[in-house]
Amino acid sequence: VGKCTTYTIFIVCVSVVLIGESGVGKSNLLSRFTKNEFSHDSRTTIGVEFSTRTVQLNGLTIKAQIWDTAGLERYRAITSAYYRGAVGALVVYDITKHLTYESVERWLKELFDHADTHIVVMLVGNKTDLESERSVPTEEAKDFAEKQNLLFLETSALQSTNVEAAFSSVLAEIHRKVSSKEVVRGSLNAVTLNNRRGENTEEQKPCCRNI
């Protein structure tokens, strides 16, 4: 008679938001990370869209639910509601359009007005494949990120450059804060290990939800 083995699987569930001006490439960053796809005819996001991806990090399974928010002003009231409950955020600008970089401070203010105080935030300069059209110097953005205590990386959703690294860095920092018990209250403190027994976890109900 074969012996039935029980597996213990730990799953950490987190909610991450993508914010920034319309047209900076948030949707393609999301699709590149979650589906390894890129669309040259990407349409403007209406309201909020989301996708999920499960990754392995430091021996844990992390299920990330990533919310792609619209950059247009008329959707602002809708999208800001999704900041609450998020434990990570990527603030995206287009390196070829300085105005999208100039608006980063406004996006950060809006984020911090609604999100958890300890939310992990990365500043992302997208579209490095258009280096010849660059209008935002890397060092300028990097210095700004350091002053604001933000993570920083430049990416290309088209060429899949640093996309994996950007999301993984945010997830790793969330995990570090939770594991070190650096955060004692708020949404980050609510990120917990879900102990699930059984060989098939795909049939389990999603553990991520936006609060």
C-alpha atoms as a PDB file:
ATOM      1  CA  VAL A   1       0.000   0.000   0.000  1.00  0.00           C
ATOM      2  CA  GLY A   2       1.481   3.346  -1.037  1.00  0.00           C
ATOM      3  CA  LYS A   3       2.106   5.893   1.670  1.00  0.00           C
ATOM      4  CA  CYS A   4       0.274   9.215   1.350  1.00  0.00           C
ATOM      5  CA  THR A   5       2.581  12.164   1.845  1.00  0.00           C
ATOM      6  CA  THR A   6       1.336  15.499   3.176  1.00  0.00           C
ATOM      7  CA  TYR A   7       3.147  18.613   2.006  1.00  0.00           C
ATOM      8  CA  THR A   8       3.208  21.858   3.953  1.00  0.00           C
ATOM      9  CA  ILE A   9       3.207  24.870   1.668  1.00  0.00           C
ATOM     10  CA  PHE A  10       3.652  28.436   2.898  1.00  0.00           C
ATOM     11  CA  ILE A  11       2.161  31.187   0.756  1.00  0.00           C
ATOM     12  CA  VAL A  12       2.648  34.900   1.306  1.00  0.00           C
ATOM     13  CA  CYS A  13       0.040  37.042  -0.438  1.00  0.00           C
ATOM     14  CA  VAL A  14       0.733  40.678  -1.286  1.00  0.00           C
ATOM     15  CA  SER A  15      -0.977  43.468  -3.190  1.00  0.00           C
ATOM     16  CA  VAL A  16       1.137  45.808  -5.353  1.00  0.00           C
ATOM     17  CA  VAL A  17      -0.020  48.860  -7.345  1.00  0.00           C
ATOM     18  CA  LEU A  18       1.399  50.388 -10.527  1.00  0.00           C
ATOM     19  CA  ILE A  19       0.925  54.155 -10.711  1.00  0.00           C
ATOM     20  CA  GLY A  20       2.082  57.005 -12.944  1.00  0.00           C
ATOM     21  CA  GLU A  21       1.007  59.119 -15.888  1.00  0.00           C
ATOM     22  CA  SER A  22      -0.918  57.637 -18.803  1.00  0.00           C
ATOM     23  CA  GLY A  23       1.297  56.209 -21.545  1.00  0.00           C
ATOM     24  CA  VAL A  24       4.401  55.463 -19.459  1.00  0.00           C
ATOM     25  CA  GLY A  25       4.043  51.711 -20.010  1.00  0.00           C
ATOM     26  CA  LYS A  26       2.471  50.435 -16.797  1.00  0.00           C
ATOM     27  CA  SER A  27       0.224  47.928 -18.557  1.00  0.00           C
ATOM     28  CA  ASN A  28       3.092  46.472 -20.548  1.00  0.00           C
ATOM     29  CA  LEU A  29       5.247  46.191 -17.434  1.00  0.00           C
ATOM     30  CA  LEU A  30       2.426  44.224 -15.845  1.00  0.00           C
ATOM     31  CA  SER A  31       1.882  41.955 -18.848  1.00  0.00           C
ATOM     32  CA  ARG A  32       5.619  41.407 -19.275  1.00  0.00           C
ATOM     33  CA  PHE A  33       6.007  40.355 -15.642  1.00  0.00           C
ATOM     34  CA  THR A  34       2.878  38.221 -15.330  1.00  0.00           C
ATOM     35  CA  LYS A  35       2.575  36.781 -18.860  1.00  0.00           C
ATOM     36  CA  ASN A  36       5.897  37.620 -20.556  1.00  0.00           C
ATOM     37  CA  GLU A  37       3.940  39.493 -23.220  1.00  0.00           C
ATOM     38  CA  PHE A  38       4.238  42.948 -24.803  1.00  0.00           C
ATOM     39  CA  SER A  39       1.635  44.746 -26.881  1.00  0.00           C
ATOM     40  CA  HIS A  40       2.579  47.508 -29.308  1.00  0.00           C
ATOM     41  CA  ASP A  41      -1.097  48.462 -29.478  1.00  0.00           C
ATOM     42  CA  SER A  42      -1.667  48.688 -25.745  1.00  0.00           C
ATOM     43  CA  ARG A  43      -4.827  50.637 -24.996  1.00  0.00           C
ATOM     44  CA  THR A  44      -5.295  53.171 -22.220  1.00  0.00           C
ATOM     45  CA  THR A  45      -6.282  51.506 -18.959  1.00  0.00           C
ATOM     46  CA  ILE A  46      -9.807  52.332 -17.867  1.00  0.00           C
ATOM     47  CA  GLY A  47     -10.075  52.469 -14.085  1.00  0.00           C
ATOM     48  CA  VAL A  48      -8.099  49.536 -12.721  1.00  0.00           C
ATOM     49  CA  GLU A  49      -6.969  46.185 -14.112  1.00  0.00           C
ATOM     50  CA  PHE A  50      -5.060  43.464 -12.337  1.00  0.00           C
ATOM     51  CA  SER A  51      -3.115  40.286 -12.858  1.00  0.00           C
ATOM     52  CA  THR A  52      -1.366  37.829 -10.564  1.00  0.00           C
ATOM     53  CA  ARG A  53       1.867  35.922 -10.533  1.00  0.00           C
ATOM     54  CA  THR A  54       3.289  33.466  -8.037  1.00  0.00           C
ATOM     55  CA  VAL A  55       7.046  33.548  -7.454  1.00  0.00           C
ATOM     56  CA  GLN A  56       9.516  31.699  -5.256  1.00  0.00           C
ATOM     57  CA  LEU A  57      11.583  33.849  -2.914  1.00  0.00           C
ATOM     58  CA  ASN A  58      13.831  32.712  -0.071  1.00  0.00           C
ATOM     59  CA  GLY A  59      12.073  29.364   0.143  1.00  0.00           C
ATOM     60  CA  LEU A  60       8.607  30.909   0.236  1.00  0.00           C
ATOM     61  CA  THR A  61       5.843  31.064  -2.340  1.00  0.00           C
ATOM     62  CA  ILE A  62       4.741  34.661  -2.835  1.00  0.00           C
ATOM     63  CA  LYS A  63       1.495  35.318  -4.637  1.00  0.00           C
ATOM     64  CA  ALA A  64       1.507  38.879  -5.939  1.00  0.00           C
ATOM     65  CA  GLN A  65      -1.714  40.538  -7.002  1.00  0.00           C
ATOM     66  CA  ILE A  66      -0.675  43.533  -9.103  1.00  0.00           C
ATOM     67  CA  TRP A  67      -3.087  46.374  -9.807  1.00  0.00           C
ATOM     68  CA  ASP A  68      -2.531  48.494 -12.935  1.00  0.00           C
ATOM     69  CA  THR A  69      -4.152  51.880 -12.319  1.00  0.00           C
ATOM     70  CA  ALA A  70      -5.233  54.399 -14.948  1.00  0.00           C
ATOM     71  CA  GLY A  71      -3.060  57.485 -15.224  1.00  0.00           C
ATOM     72  CA  LEU A  72      -5.795  59.795 -16.468  1.00  0.00           C
ATOM     73  CA  GLU A  73      -7.145  62.408 -14.068  1.00  0.00           C
ATOM     74  CA  ARG A  74     -10.789  61.415 -14.520  1.00  0.00           C
ATOM     75  CA  TYR A  75     -10.133  57.995 -12.970  1.00  0.00           C
ATOM     76  CA  ARG A  76      -8.203  59.333  -9.971  1.00  0.00           C
ATOM     77  CA  ALA A  77     -11.007  58.894  -7.438  1.00  0.00           C
ATOM     78  CA  ILE A  78     -11.389  55.253  -8.459  1.00  0.00           C
ATOM     79  CA  THR A  79      -7.727  54.337  -8.558  1.00  0.00           C
ATOM     80  CA  SER A  80      -6.759  55.987  -5.263  1.00  0.00           C
ATOM     81  CA  ALA A  81      -9.063  53.574  -3.440  1.00  0.00           C
ATOM     82  CA  TYR A  82      -6.748  50.727  -4.483  1.00  0.00           C
ATOM     83  CA  TYR A  83      -3.804  52.264  -2.648  1.00  0.00           C
ATOM     84  CA  ARG A  84      -5.347  51.205   0.640  1.00  0.00           C
ATOM     85  CA  GLY A  85      -4.285  47.664   1.420  1.00  0.00           C
ATOM     86  CA  ALA A  86      -1.371  47.760  -1.021  1.00  0.00           C
ATOM     87  CA  VAL A  87       1.970  46.828   0.524  1.00  0.00           C
ATOM     88  CA  GLY A  88       4.079  47.680  -2.530  1.00  0.00           C
ATOM     89  CA  ALA A  89       4.018  50.238  -5.340  1.00  0.00           C
ATOM     90  CA  LEU A  90       5.900  50.953  -8.557  1.00  0.00           C
ATOM     91  CA  VAL A  91       5.767  54.630  -9.539  1.00  0.00           C
ATOM     92  CA  VAL A  92       6.491  54.640 -13.262  1.00  0.00           C
ATOM     93  CA  TYR A  93       7.659  57.427 -15.583  1.00  0.00           C
ATOM     94  CA  ASP A  94       8.807  57.493 -19.212  1.00  0.00           C
ATOM     95  CA  ILE A  95      12.520  58.335 -19.535  1.00  0.00           C
ATOM     96  CA  THR A  96      11.791  60.082 -22.858  1.00  0.00           C
ATOM     97  CA  LYS A  97       9.107  62.394 -21.436  1.00  0.00           C
ATOM     98  CA  HIS A  98      10.343  64.665 -18.667  1.00  0.00           C
ATOM     99  CA  LEU A  99       6.813  65.762 -17.766  1.00  0.00           C
ATOM    100  CA  THR A 100       5.976  62.209 -16.642  1.00  0.00           C
ATOM    101  CA  TYR A 101       9.000  62.372 -14.328  1.00  0.00           C
ATOM    102  CA  GLU A 102       8.033  65.805 -13.007  1.00  0.00           C
ATOM    103  CA  SER A 103       4.645  64.413 -11.975  1.00  0.00           C
ATOM    104  CA  VAL A 104       6.246  61.707  -9.794  1.00  0.00           C
ATOM    105  CA  GLU A 105       6.128  63.919  -6.673  1.00  0.00           C
ATOM    106  CA  ARG A 106       2.383  64.389  -7.099  1.00  0.00           C
ATOM    107  CA  TRP A 107       1.878  60.640  -7.519  1.00  0.00           C
ATOM    108  CA  LEU A 108       3.940  59.970  -4.403  1.00  0.00           C
ATOM    109  CA  LYS A 109       1.930  62.467  -2.373  1.00  0.00           C
ATOM    110  CA  GLU A 110      -1.318  60.866  -3.503  1.00  0.00           C
ATOM    111  CA  LEU A 111       0.037  57.404  -2.722  1.00  0.00           C
ATOM    112  CA  PHE A 112       1.242  58.300   0.762  1.00  0.00           C
ATOM    113  CA  ASP A 113      -2.024  60.134   1.516  1.00  0.00           C
ATOM    114  CA  HIS A 114      -3.950  56.876   1.022  1.00  0.00           C
ATOM    115  CA  ALA A 115      -1.540  53.980   1.489  1.00  0.00           C
ATOM    116  CA  ASP A 116       0.112  52.354   4.473  1.00  0.00           C
ATOM    117  CA  THR A 117       2.960  54.429   5.938  1.00  0.00           C
ATOM    118  CA  HIS A 118       5.386  51.525   5.498  1.00  0.00           C
ATOM    119  CA  ILE A 119       4.493  50.679   1.909  1.00  0.00           C
ATOM    120  CA  VAL A 120       7.510  49.610  -0.186  1.00  0.00           C
ATOM    121  CA  VAL A 121       7.886  51.983  -3.132  1.00  0.00           C
ATOM    122  CA  MET A 122      10.111  51.776  -6.208  1.00  0.00           C
ATOM    123  CA  LEU A 123      10.646  54.565  -8.733  1.00  0.00           C
ATOM    124  CA  VAL A 124      10.776  53.046 -12.218  1.00  0.00           C
ATOM    125  CA  GLY A 125      12.086  54.778 -15.332  1.00  0.00           C
ATOM    126  CA  ASN A 126      10.582  52.827 -18.217  1.00  0.00           C
ATOM    127  CA  LYS A 127      11.388  52.631 -21.961  1.00  0.00           C
ATOM    128  CA  THR A 128      15.183  52.379 -21.818  1.00  0.00           C
ATOM    129  CA  ASP A 129      14.956  50.890 -25.314  1.00  0.00           C
ATOM    130  CA  LEU A 130      14.483  54.523 -26.438  1.00  0.00           C
ATOM    131  CA  GLU A 131      17.833  55.641 -25.004  1.00  0.00           C
ATOM    132  CA  SER A 132      18.488  58.000 -27.925  1.00  0.00           C
ATOM    133  CA  GLU A 133      15.356  59.955 -26.929  1.00  0.00           C
ATOM    134  CA  ARG A 134      16.132  60.093 -23.205  1.00  0.00           C
ATOM    135  CA  SER A 135      15.173  63.333 -21.444  1.00  0.00           C
ATOM    136  CA  VAL A 136      15.464  62.171 -17.814  1.00  0.00           C
ATOM    137  CA  PRO A 137      19.085  61.545 -16.750  1.00  0.00           C
ATOM    138  CA  THR A 138      19.529  58.339 -14.774  1.00  0.00           C
ATOM    139  CA  GLU A 139      21.540  60.045 -12.025  1.00  0.00           C
ATOM    140  CA  GLU A 140      18.896  62.741 -11.548  1.00  0.00           C
ATOM    141  CA  ALA A 141      16.175  60.159 -10.978  1.00  0.00           C
ATOM    142  CA  LYS A 142      18.450  57.997  -8.845  1.00  0.00           C
ATOM    143  CA  ASP A 143      19.351  60.931  -6.582  1.00  0.00           C
ATOM    144  CA  PHE A 144      15.684  61.831  -6.214  1.00  0.00           C
ATOM    145  CA  ALA A 145      14.823  58.249  -5.279  1.00  0.00           C
ATOM    146  CA  GLU A 146      17.565  58.165  -2.642  1.00  0.00           C
ATOM    147  CA  LYS A 147      16.344  61.417  -1.074  1.00  0.00           C
ATOM    148  CA  GLN A 148      12.804  60.025  -0.941  1.00  0.00           C
ATOM    149  CA  ASN A 149      13.974  56.631   0.410  1.00  0.00           C
ATOM    150  CA  LEU A 150      12.648  54.847  -2.664  1.00  0.00           C
ATOM    151  CA  LEU A 151      14.008  51.847  -4.506  1.00  0.00           C
ATOM    152  CA  PHE A 152      15.046  52.739  -8.061  1.00  0.00           C
ATOM    153  CA  LEU A 153      15.477  50.928 -11.366  1.00  0.00           C
ATOM    154  CA  GLU A 154      15.205  51.646 -15.074  1.00  0.00           C
ATOM    155  CA  THR A 155      13.356  49.162 -17.266  1.00  0.00           C
ATOM    156  CA  SER A 156      12.226  48.312 -20.757  1.00  0.00           C
ATOM    157  CA  ALA A 157       8.983  46.393 -21.021  1.00  0.00           C
ATOM    158  CA  LEU A 158       9.633  46.021 -24.759  1.00  0.00           C
ATOM    159  CA  GLN A 159      13.027  44.362 -24.323  1.00  0.00           C
ATOM    160  CA  SER A 160      12.140  42.795 -20.962  1.00  0.00           C
ATOM    161  CA  THR A 161      15.049  44.628 -19.340  1.00  0.00           C
ATOM    162  CA  ASN A 162      14.987  44.716 -15.512  1.00  0.00           C
ATOM    163  CA  VAL A 163      11.233  44.025 -15.390  1.00  0.00           C
ATOM    164  CA  GLU A 164      11.706  40.844 -13.383  1.00  0.00           C
ATOM    165  CA  ALA A 165      14.274  42.584 -11.193  1.00  0.00           C
ATOM    166  CA  ALA A 166      11.962  45.512 -10.451  1.00  0.00           C
ATOM    167  CA  PHE A 167       9.050  43.436  -9.207  1.00  0.00           C
ATOM    168  CA  SER A 168      11.305  40.936  -7.446  1.00  0.00           C
ATOM    169  CA  SER A 169      13.117  43.722  -5.576  1.00  0.00           C
ATOM    170  CA  VAL A 170       9.836  45.144  -4.305  1.00  0.00           C
ATOM    171  CA  LEU A 171       8.579  41.715  -3.239  1.00  0.00           C
ATOM    172  CA  ALA A 172      11.899  40.933  -1.546  1.00  0.00           C
ATOM    173  CA  GLU A 173      11.814  44.188   0.420  1.00  0.00           C
ATOM    174  CA  ILE A 174       8.213  43.524   1.505  1.00  0.00           C
ATOM    175  CA  HIS A 175       9.254  40.079   2.665  1.00  0.00           C
ATOM    176  CA  ARG A 176      12.279  41.518   4.489  1.00  0.00           C
ATOM    177  CA  LYS A 177      10.158  44.035   6.395  1.00  0.00           C
ATOM    178  CA  VAL A 178       7.581  41.446   7.360  1.00  0.00           C
ATOM    179  CA  SER A 179      10.156  38.802   8.342  1.00  0.00           C
ATOM    180  CA  SER A 180      12.206  41.212  10.443  1.00  0.00           C
ATOM    181  CA  LYS A 181       9.028  42.399  12.186  1.00  0.00           C
ATOM    182  CA  GLU A 182      10.127  45.937  11.326  1.00  0.00           C
ATOM    183  CA  VAL A 183       6.474  46.832  10.844  1.00  0.00           C
ATOM    184  CA  VAL A 184       4.223  46.500  13.872  1.00  0.00           C
ATOM    185  CA  ARG A 185       0.947  47.849  12.491  1.00  0.00           C
ATOM    186  CA  GLY A 186      -0.870  48.528   9.228  1.00  0.00           C
ATOM    187  CA  SER A 187      -1.227  46.605   5.967  1.00  0.00           C
ATOM    188  CA  LEU A 188       2.334  45.284   5.927  1.00  0.00           C
ATOM    189  CA  ASN A 189       1.849  43.782   9.366  1.00  0.00           C
ATOM    190  CA  ALA A 190      -1.246  42.054   7.991  1.00  0.00           C
ATOM    191  CA  VAL A 191       0.866  40.128   5.474  1.00  0.00           C
ATOM    192  CA  THR A 192       1.041  36.679   7.009  1.00  0.00           C
ATOM    193  CA  LEU A 193       2.130  33.174   6.184  1.00  0.00           C
ATOM    194  CA  ASN A 194      -0.762  31.013   5.110  1.00  0.00           C
ATOM    195  CA  ASN A 195      -0.025  27.399   5.974  1.00  0.00           C
ATOM    196  CA  ARG A 196      -1.769  25.164   3.437  1.00  0.00           C
ATOM    197  CA  ARG A 197      -1.616  21.419   3.436  1.00  0.00           C
ATOM    198  CA  GLY A 198      -2.100  19.382   0.313  1.00  0.00           C
ATOM    199  CA  GLU A 199      -0.370  18.621  -2.927  1.00  0.00           C
ATOM    200  CA  ASN A 200      -2.617  20.683  -5.169  1.00  0.00           C
ATOM    201  CA  THR A 201      -2.641  24.370  -4.273  1.00  0.00           C
ATOM    202  CA  GLU A 202      -3.943  25.590  -7.619  1.00  0.00           C
ATOM    203  CA  GLU A 203      -7.485  24.633  -6.676  1.00  0.00           C
ATOM    204  CA  GLN A 204      -7.342  26.647  -3.473  1.00  0.00           C
ATOM    205  CA  LYS A 205      -9.201  29.957  -3.402  1.00  0.00           C
ATOM    206  CA  PRO A 206      -7.033  33.039  -4.100  1.00  0.00           C
ATOM    207  CA  CYS A 207      -5.454  34.361  -0.922  1.00  0.00           C
ATOM    208  CA  CYS A 208      -4.910  37.870  -2.232  1.00  0.00           C
ATOM    209  CA  ARG A 209      -7.469  40.569  -1.875  1.00  0.00           C
ATOM    210  CA  ASN A 210      -7.402  44.343  -1.931  1.00  0.00           C
ATOM    211  CA  ILE A 211      -8.684  45.895   1.272  1.00  0.00           C
END
